[in-house]
Amino acid sequence: MESAITVKGQATIPKSIREHLGLQPGDRIKFFVHPDGSVVLLPKISASAVRGIVKSRSPRPVTTEQMTIAAGEGAVSRNPRRRHR
């Protein structure tokens, strides 16, 4: 598929691409340029649109202190200190 660039620098996204990405008039898109020069076009998804996608495992909120303790315990269990002689 291809599209022409107008004098104003605008291009029409082909209908099949808009349908595949679920784009509607007024939606915003993001462009990513990769080191190899390729460009990727993705829809910009609002935070409200993704709310609820990830389910919480914990039935109640976790405090910052609890997170700090858990992170410390995880670091110790994964990286036991070795004694140097």
PDB file of N, CA and C in Angstrom:
ATOM      1  N   MET A   1       0.842  -1.170   0.000  1.00  0.00           N
ATOM      2  CA  MET A   1       0.000   0.000   0.000  1.00  0.00           C
ATOM      3  C   MET A   1       0.887   1.232   0.000  1.00  0.00           C
ATOM      4  N   GLU A   2       0.385   2.277  -0.543  1.00  0.00           N
ATOM      5  CA  GLU A   2       1.128   3.530  -0.533  1.00  0.00           C
ATOM      6  C   GLU A   2       0.167   4.697  -0.456  1.00  0.00           C
ATOM      7  N   SER A   3       0.723   5.844  -0.118  1.00  0.00           N
ATOM      8  CA  SER A   3      -0.067   7.056   0.023  1.00  0.00           C
ATOM      9  C   SER A   3       0.811   8.223  -0.390  1.00  0.00           C
ATOM     10  N   ALA A   4       0.221   9.238  -1.012  1.00  0.00           N
ATOM     11  CA  ALA A   4       0.979  10.417  -1.435  1.00  0.00           C
ATOM     12  C   ALA A   4       1.041  11.434  -0.295  1.00  0.00           C
ATOM     13  N   ILE A   5       2.113  12.195  -0.268  1.00  0.00           N
ATOM     14  CA  ILE A   5       2.289  13.272   0.708  1.00  0.00           C
ATOM     15  C   ILE A   5       1.803  14.567   0.050  1.00  0.00           C
ATOM     16  N   THR A   6       0.961  15.311   0.776  1.00  0.00           N
ATOM     17  CA  THR A   6       0.449  16.577   0.247  1.00  0.00           C
ATOM     18  C   THR A   6       1.475  17.689   0.450  1.00  0.00           C
ATOM     19  N   VAL A   7       1.198  18.853  -0.111  1.00  0.00           N
ATOM     20  CA  VAL A   7       2.057  20.017   0.041  1.00  0.00           C
ATOM     21  C   VAL A   7       2.216  20.378   1.526  1.00  0.00           C
ATOM     22  N   LYS A   8       1.200  20.111   2.329  1.00  0.00           N
ATOM     23  CA  LYS A   8       1.242  20.400   3.765  1.00  0.00           C
ATOM     24  C   LYS A   8       1.935  19.293   4.568  1.00  0.00           C
ATOM     25  N   GLY A   9       2.459  18.259   3.899  1.00  0.00           N
ATOM     26  CA  GLY A   9       3.142  17.168   4.595  1.00  0.00           C
ATOM     27  C   GLY A   9       2.204  16.127   5.156  1.00  0.00           C
ATOM     28  N   GLN A  10       0.976  16.109   4.710  1.00  0.00           N
ATOM     29  CA  GLN A  10      -0.003  15.150   5.212  1.00  0.00           C
ATOM     30  C   GLN A  10      -0.132  13.964   4.265  1.00  0.00           C
ATOM     31  N   ALA A  11      -0.509  12.823   4.834  1.00  0.00           N
ATOM     32  CA  ALA A  11      -0.740  11.618   4.044  1.00  0.00           C
ATOM     33  C   ALA A  11      -2.001  10.944   4.563  1.00  0.00           C
ATOM     34  N   THR A  12      -2.688  10.250   3.694  1.00  0.00           N
ATOM     35  CA  THR A  12      -3.874   9.496   4.086  1.00  0.00           C
ATOM     36  C   THR A  12      -3.438   8.087   4.456  1.00  0.00           C
ATOM     37  N   ILE A  13      -3.861   7.620   5.625  1.00  0.00           N
ATOM     38  CA  ILE A  13      -3.576   6.245   6.025  1.00  0.00           C
ATOM     39  C   ILE A  13      -4.611   5.365   5.331  1.00  0.00           C
ATOM     40  N   PRO A  14      -4.159   4.377   4.571  1.00  0.00           N
ATOM     41  CA  PRO A  14      -5.109   3.530   3.846  1.00  0.00           C
ATOM     42  C   PRO A  14      -6.158   2.914   4.788  1.00  0.00           C
ATOM     43  N   LYS A  15      -7.348   2.741   4.253  1.00  0.00           N
ATOM     44  CA  LYS A  15      -8.482   2.250   5.035  1.00  0.00           C
ATOM     45  C   LYS A  15      -8.185   0.925   5.726  1.00  0.00           C
ATOM     46  N   SER A  16      -7.549  -0.009   5.032  1.00  0.00           N
ATOM     47  CA  SER A  16      -7.265  -1.314   5.645  1.00  0.00           C
ATOM     48  C   SER A  16      -6.323  -1.175   6.845  1.00  0.00           C
ATOM     49  N   ILE A  17      -5.397  -0.228   6.796  1.00  0.00           N
ATOM     50  CA  ILE A  17      -4.484   0.015   7.917  1.00  0.00           C
ATOM     51  C   ILE A  17      -5.247   0.658   9.077  1.00  0.00           C
ATOM     52  N   ARG A  18      -6.097   1.656   8.764  1.00  0.00           N
ATOM     53  CA  ARG A  18      -6.910   2.292   9.819  1.00  0.00           C
ATOM     54  C   ARG A  18      -7.793   1.266  10.510  1.00  0.00           C
ATOM     55  N   GLU A  19      -8.394   0.371   9.742  1.00  0.00           N
ATOM     56  CA  GLU A  19      -9.252  -0.661  10.326  1.00  0.00           C
ATOM     57  C   GLU A  19      -8.433  -1.633  11.178  1.00  0.00           C
ATOM     58  N   HIS A  20      -7.271  -2.020  10.688  1.00  0.00           N
ATOM     59  CA  HIS A  20      -6.412  -2.952  11.429  1.00  0.00           C
ATOM     60  C   HIS A  20      -5.992  -2.357  12.769  1.00  0.00           C
ATOM     61  N   LEU A  21      -5.669  -1.071  12.793  1.00  0.00           N
ATOM     62  CA  LEU A  21      -5.244  -0.397  14.026  1.00  0.00           C
ATOM     63  C   LEU A  21      -6.414   0.112  14.852  1.00  0.00           C
ATOM     64  N   GLY A  22      -7.622   0.026  14.315  1.00  0.00           N
ATOM     65  CA  GLY A  22      -8.799   0.510  15.033  1.00  0.00           C
ATOM     66  C   GLY A  22      -8.833   2.026  15.148  1.00  0.00           C
ATOM     67  N   LEU A  23      -8.267   2.717  14.156  1.00  0.00           N
ATOM     68  CA  LEU A  23      -8.208   4.178  14.198  1.00  0.00           C
ATOM     69  C   LEU A  23      -9.521   4.808  13.762  1.00  0.00           C
ATOM     70  N   GLN A  24      -9.903   5.848  14.466  1.00  0.00           N
ATOM     71  CA  GLN A  24     -11.110   6.616  14.164  1.00  0.00           C
ATOM     72  C   GLN A  24     -10.696   8.079  13.965  1.00  0.00           C
ATOM     73  N   PRO A  25     -11.525   8.885  13.288  1.00  0.00           N
ATOM     74  CA  PRO A  25     -11.197  10.303  13.144  1.00  0.00           C
ATOM     75  C   PRO A  25     -10.940  10.948  14.512  1.00  0.00           C
ATOM     76  N   GLY A  26      -9.868  11.702  14.592  1.00  0.00           N
ATOM     77  CA  GLY A  26      -9.506  12.369  15.836  1.00  0.00           C
ATOM     78  C   GLY A  26      -8.532  11.590  16.700  1.00  0.00           C
ATOM     79  N   ASP A  27      -8.340  10.289  16.413  1.00  0.00           N
ATOM     80  CA  ASP A  27      -7.365   9.501  17.165  1.00  0.00           C
ATOM     81  C   ASP A  27      -5.962  10.022  16.892  1.00  0.00           C
ATOM     82  N   ARG A  28      -5.066   9.768  17.823  1.00  0.00           N
ATOM     83  CA  ARG A  28      -3.684  10.189  17.671  1.00  0.00           C
ATOM     84  C   ARG A  28      -2.831   8.957  17.408  1.00  0.00           C
ATOM     85  N   ILE A  29      -1.732   9.158  16.678  1.00  0.00           N
ATOM     86  CA  ILE A  29      -0.822   8.063  16.372  1.00  0.00           C
ATOM     87  C   ILE A  29       0.597   8.475  16.756  1.00  0.00           C
ATOM     88  N   LYS A  30       1.443   7.478  16.957  1.00  0.00           N
ATOM     89  CA  LYS A  30       2.846   7.707  17.281  1.00  0.00           C
ATOM     90  C   LYS A  30       3.697   7.089  16.186  1.00  0.00           C
ATOM     91  N   PHE A  31       4.825   7.738  15.904  1.00  0.00           N
ATOM     92  CA  PHE A  31       5.788   7.225  14.945  1.00  0.00           C
ATOM     93  C   PHE A  31       7.069   6.893  15.697  1.00  0.00           C
ATOM     94  N   PHE A  32       7.633   5.735  15.430  1.00  0.00           N
ATOM     95  CA  PHE A  32       8.894   5.316  16.027  1.00  0.00           C
ATOM     96  C   PHE A  32       9.885   5.052  14.903  1.00  0.00           C
ATOM     97  N   VAL A  33      11.048   5.685  14.981  1.00  0.00           N
ATOM     98  CA  VAL A  33      12.096   5.475  13.989  1.00  0.00           C
ATOM     99  C   VAL A  33      13.142   4.552  14.609  1.00  0.00           C
ATOM    100  N   HIS A  34      13.359   3.423  13.984  1.00  0.00           N
ATOM    101  CA  HIS A  34      14.323   2.438  14.460  1.00  0.00           C
ATOM    102  C   HIS A  34      15.715   2.764  13.921  1.00  0.00           C
ATOM    103  N   PRO A  35      16.757   2.273  14.594  1.00  0.00           N
ATOM    104  CA  PRO A  35      18.135   2.541  14.148  1.00  0.00           C
ATOM    105  C   PRO A  35      18.406   2.123  12.701  1.00  0.00           C
ATOM    106  N   ASP A  36      17.695   1.096  12.227  1.00  0.00           N
ATOM    107  CA  ASP A  36      17.925   0.651  10.848  1.00  0.00           C
ATOM    108  C   ASP A  36      17.206   1.531   9.819  1.00  0.00           C
ATOM    109  N   GLY A  37      16.482   2.559  10.296  1.00  0.00           N
ATOM    110  CA  GLY A  37      15.794   3.480   9.390  1.00  0.00           C
ATOM    111  C   GLY A  37      14.329   3.156   9.169  1.00  0.00           C
ATOM    112  N   SER A  38      13.890   1.992   9.624  1.00  0.00           N
ATOM    113  CA  SER A  38      12.477   1.656   9.453  1.00  0.00           C
ATOM    114  C   SER A  38      11.636   2.493  10.420  1.00  0.00           C
ATOM    115  N   VAL A  39      10.383   2.712  10.044  1.00  0.00           N
ATOM    116  CA  VAL A  39       9.472   3.531  10.837  1.00  0.00           C
ATOM    117  C   VAL A  39       8.245   2.698  11.173  1.00  0.00           C
ATOM    118  N   VAL A  40       7.805   2.789  12.418  1.00  0.00           N
ATOM    119  CA  VAL A  40       6.623   2.057  12.865  1.00  0.00           C
ATOM    120  C   VAL A  40       5.565   3.065  13.281  1.00  0.00           C
ATOM    121  N   LEU A  41       4.350   2.819  12.872  1.00  0.00           N
ATOM    122  CA  LEU A  41       3.208   3.669  13.192  1.00  0.00           C
ATOM    123  C   LEU A  41       2.296   2.893  14.135  1.00  0.00           C
ATOM    124  N   LEU A  42       2.003   3.472  15.311  1.00  0.00           N
ATOM    125  CA  LEU A  42       1.134   2.807  16.280  1.00  0.00           C
ATOM    126  C   LEU A  42       0.100   3.784  16.809  1.00  0.00           C
ATOM    127  N   PRO A  43      -1.097   3.286  17.133  1.00  0.00           N
ATOM    128  CA  PRO A  43      -2.086   4.178  17.736  1.00  0.00           C
ATOM    129  C   PRO A  43      -1.644   4.575  19.132  1.00  0.00           C
ATOM    130  N   LYS A  44      -1.904   5.818  19.508  1.00  0.00           N
ATOM    131  CA  LYS A  44      -1.614   6.267  20.868  1.00  0.00           C
ATOM    132  C   LYS A  44      -2.833   5.924  21.696  1.00  0.00           C
ATOM    133  N   ILE A  45      -2.634   5.064  22.696  1.00  0.00           N
ATOM    134  CA  ILE A  45      -3.739   4.591  23.524  1.00  0.00           C
ATOM    135  C   ILE A  45      -3.760   5.400  24.811  1.00  0.00           C
ATOM    136  N   SER A  46      -4.919   5.908  25.151  1.00  0.00           N
ATOM    137  CA  SER A  46      -5.038   6.698  26.370  1.00  0.00           C
ATOM    138  C   SER A  46      -5.007   5.785  27.587  1.00  0.00           C
ATOM    139  N   ALA A  47      -4.636   6.361  28.724  1.00  0.00           N
ATOM    140  CA  ALA A  47      -4.588   5.593  29.974  1.00  0.00           C
ATOM    141  C   ALA A  47      -5.967   5.045  30.321  1.00  0.00           C
ATOM    142  N   SER A  48      -7.002   5.812  30.039  1.00  0.00           N
ATOM    143  CA  SER A  48      -8.356   5.347  30.370  1.00  0.00           C
ATOM    144  C   SER A  48      -8.758   4.142  29.515  1.00  0.00           C
ATOM    145  N   ALA A  49      -8.196   4.043  28.302  1.00  0.00           N
ATOM    146  CA  ALA A  49      -8.533   2.917  27.429  1.00  0.00           C
ATOM    147  C   ALA A  49      -7.913   1.613  27.910  1.00  0.00           C
ATOM    148  N   VAL A  50      -6.771   1.693  28.597  1.00  0.00           N
ATOM    149  CA  VAL A  50      -6.116   0.476  29.055  1.00  0.00           C
ATOM    150  C   VAL A  50      -6.417   0.146  30.509  1.00  0.00           C
ATOM    151  N   ARG A  51      -7.147   1.009  31.177  1.00  0.00           N
ATOM    152  CA  ARG A  51      -7.488   0.758  32.579  1.00  0.00           C
ATOM    153  C   ARG A  51      -8.245  -0.564  32.691  1.00  0.00           C
ATOM    154  N   GLY A  52      -7.806  -1.400  33.620  1.00  0.00           N
ATOM    155  CA  GLY A  52      -8.481  -2.670  33.854  1.00  0.00           C
ATOM    156  C   GLY A  52      -7.944  -3.826  33.044  1.00  0.00           C
ATOM    157  N   ILE A  53      -7.011  -3.602  32.127  1.00  0.00           N
ATOM    158  CA  ILE A  53      -6.463  -4.699  31.332  1.00  0.00           C
ATOM    159  C   ILE A  53      -5.645  -5.639  32.212  1.00  0.00           C
ATOM    160  N   VAL A  54      -4.836  -5.067  33.082  1.00  0.00           N
ATOM    161  CA  VAL A  54      -4.011  -5.865  33.977  1.00  0.00           C
ATOM    162  C   VAL A  54      -4.744  -6.009  35.297  1.00  0.00           C
ATOM    163  N   LYS A  55      -4.986  -7.230  35.684  1.00  0.00           N
ATOM    164  CA  LYS A  55      -5.681  -7.505  36.929  1.00  0.00           C
ATOM    165  C   LYS A  55      -4.689  -7.527  38.079  1.00  0.00           C
ATOM    166  N   SER A  56      -5.087  -6.978  39.187  1.00  0.00           N
ATOM    167  CA  SER A  56      -4.248  -6.954  40.373  1.00  0.00           C
ATOM    168  C   SER A  56      -4.283  -8.309  41.053  1.00  0.00           C
ATOM    169  N   ARG A  57      -3.116  -8.792  41.477  1.00  0.00           N
ATOM    170  CA  ARG A  57      -3.062 -10.047  42.213  1.00  0.00           C
ATOM    171  C   ARG A  57      -3.411  -9.823  43.676  1.00  0.00           C
ATOM    172  N   SER A  58      -3.087  -8.650  44.166  1.00  0.00           N
ATOM    173  CA  SER A  58      -3.270  -8.359  45.578  1.00  0.00           C
ATOM    174  C   SER A  58      -4.678  -7.828  45.819  1.00  0.00           C
ATOM    175  N   PRO A  59      -5.380  -8.374  46.813  1.00  0.00           N
ATOM    176  CA  PRO A  59      -6.727  -7.904  47.076  1.00  0.00           C
ATOM    177  C   PRO A  59      -6.754  -6.515  47.717  1.00  0.00           C
ATOM    178  N   ARG A  60      -5.608  -6.066  48.257  1.00  0.00           N
ATOM    179  CA  ARG A  60      -5.567  -4.751  48.888  1.00  0.00           C
ATOM    180  C   ARG A  60      -4.292  -4.028  48.461  1.00  0.00           C
ATOM    181  N   PRO A  61      -4.286  -2.717  48.548  1.00  0.00           N
ATOM    182  CA  PRO A  61      -3.102  -1.957  48.149  1.00  0.00           C
ATOM    183  C   PRO A  61      -1.883  -2.311  49.000  1.00  0.00           C
ATOM    184  N   VAL A  62      -0.719  -2.145  48.407  1.00  0.00           N
ATOM    185  CA  VAL A  62       0.543  -2.415  49.091  1.00  0.00           C
ATOM    186  C   VAL A  62       1.192  -1.071  49.402  1.00  0.00           C
ATOM    187  N   THR A  63       1.749  -0.947  50.588  1.00  0.00           N
ATOM    188  CA  THR A  63       2.396   0.299  50.974  1.00  0.00           C
ATOM    189  C   THR A  63       3.793   0.374  50.370  1.00  0.00           C
ATOM    190  N   THR A  64       4.341   1.584  50.338  1.00  0.00           N
ATOM    191  CA  THR A  64       5.702   1.787  49.852  1.00  0.00           C
ATOM    192  C   THR A  64       6.693   1.015  50.711  1.00  0.00           C
ATOM    193  N   GLU A  65       6.467   0.995  52.010  1.00  0.00           N
ATOM    194  CA  GLU A  65       7.350   0.259  52.923  1.00  0.00           C
ATOM    195  C   GLU A  65       7.342  -1.232  52.592  1.00  0.00           C
ATOM    196  N   GLN A  66       6.156  -1.795  52.332  1.00  0.00           N
ATOM    197  CA  GLN A  66       6.058  -3.213  51.985  1.00  0.00           C
ATOM    198  C   GLN A  66       6.782  -3.504  50.669  1.00  0.00           C
ATOM    199  N   MET A  67       6.676  -2.584  49.706  1.00  0.00           N
ATOM    200  CA  MET A  67       7.377  -2.770  48.426  1.00  0.00           C
ATOM    201  C   MET A  67       8.887  -2.732  48.622  1.00  0.00           C
ATOM    202  N   THR A  68       9.362  -1.814  49.459  1.00  0.00           N
ATOM    203  CA  THR A  68      10.791  -1.697  49.723  1.00  0.00           C
ATOM    204  C   THR A  68      11.331  -2.966  50.377  1.00  0.00           C
ATOM    205  N   ILE A  69      10.601  -3.483  51.348  1.00  0.00           N
ATOM    206  CA  ILE A  69      11.009  -4.721  52.026  1.00  0.00           C
ATOM    207  C   ILE A  69      11.034  -5.882  51.040  1.00  0.00           C
ATOM    208  N   ALA A  70       9.995  -6.007  50.224  1.00  0.00           N
ATOM    209  CA  ALA A  70       9.911  -7.104  49.252  1.00  0.00           C
ATOM    210  C   ALA A  70      11.044  -7.008  48.229  1.00  0.00           C
ATOM    211  N   ALA A  71      11.352  -5.807  47.773  1.00  0.00           N
ATOM    212  CA  ALA A  71      12.437  -5.622  46.804  1.00  0.00           C
ATOM    213  C   ALA A  71      13.771  -6.012  47.424  1.00  0.00           C
ATOM    214  N   GLY A  72      13.987  -5.618  48.679  1.00  0.00           N
ATOM    215  CA  GLY A  72      15.222  -5.977  49.369  1.00  0.00           C
ATOM    216  C   GLY A  72      15.363  -7.473  49.548  1.00  0.00           C
ATOM    217  N   GLU A  73      14.280  -8.123  49.939  1.00  0.00           N
ATOM    218  CA  GLU A  73      14.302  -9.578  50.119  1.00  0.00           C
ATOM    219  C   GLU A  73      14.558 -10.288  48.793  1.00  0.00           C
ATOM    220  N   GLY A  74      13.958  -9.780  47.740  1.00  0.00           N
ATOM    221  CA  GLY A  74      14.165 -10.378  46.421  1.00  0.00           C
ATOM    222  C   GLY A  74      15.601 -10.221  45.958  1.00  0.00           C
ATOM    223  N   ALA A  75      16.191  -9.062  46.210  1.00  0.00           N
ATOM    224  CA  ALA A  75      17.579  -8.828  45.810  1.00  0.00           C
ATOM    225  C   ALA A  75      18.523  -9.744  46.559  1.00  0.00           C
ATOM    226  N   VAL A  76      18.269  -9.957  47.848  1.00  0.00           N
ATOM    227  CA  VAL A  76      19.127 -10.826  48.653  1.00  0.00           C
ATOM    228  C   VAL A  76      18.991 -12.273  48.206  1.00  0.00           C
ATOM    229  N   SER A  77      17.765 -12.710  47.942  1.00  0.00           N
ATOM    230  CA  SER A  77      17.559 -14.113  47.571  1.00  0.00           C
ATOM    231  C   SER A  77      18.122 -14.426  46.189  1.00  0.00           C
ATOM    232  N   ARG A  78      18.181 -13.446  45.308  1.00  0.00           N
ATOM    233  CA  ARG A  78      18.701 -13.674  43.955  1.00  0.00           C
ATOM    234  C   ARG A  78      20.211 -13.474  43.879  1.00  0.00           C
ATOM    235  N   ASN A  79      20.757 -12.696  44.786  1.00  0.00           N
ATOM    236  CA  ASN A  79      22.187 -12.372  44.752  1.00  0.00           C
ATOM    237  C   ASN A  79      22.826 -12.603  46.114  1.00  0.00           C
ATOM    238  N   PRO A  80      22.938 -13.856  46.534  1.00  0.00           N
ATOM    239  CA  PRO A  80      23.531 -14.109  47.844  1.00  0.00           C
ATOM    240  C   PRO A  80      24.991 -13.635  47.837  1.00  0.00           C
ATOM    241  N   ARG A  81      25.376 -12.998  48.923  1.00  0.00           N
ATOM    242  CA  ARG A  81      26.747 -12.487  49.013  1.00  0.00           C
ATOM    243  C   ARG A  81      27.719 -13.647  49.188  1.00  0.00           C
ATOM    244  N   ARG A  82      28.796 -13.562  48.447  1.00  0.00           N
ATOM    245  CA  ARG A  82      29.826 -14.579  48.548  1.00  0.00           C
ATOM    246  C   ARG A  82      30.941 -14.049  49.435  1.00  0.00           C
ATOM    247  N   ARG A  83      31.465 -14.903  50.259  1.00  0.00           N
ATOM    248  CA  ARG A  83      32.559 -14.501  51.131  1.00  0.00           C
ATOM    249  C   ARG A  83      33.869 -14.569  50.366  1.00  0.00           C
ATOM    250  N   HIS A  84      34.624 -13.511  50.483  1.00  0.00           N
ATOM    251  CA  HIS A  84      35.950 -13.482  49.868  1.00  0.00           C
ATOM    252  C   HIS A  84      36.989 -13.759  50.931  1.00  0.00           C
ATOM    253  N   ARG A  85      37.972 -14.609  50.658  1.00  0.00           N
ATOM    254  CA  ARG A  85      39.004 -14.947  51.630  1.00  0.00           C
ATOM    255  C   ARG A  85      40.252 -14.167  51.390  1.00  0.00           C
TER     256      ARG A  85
END
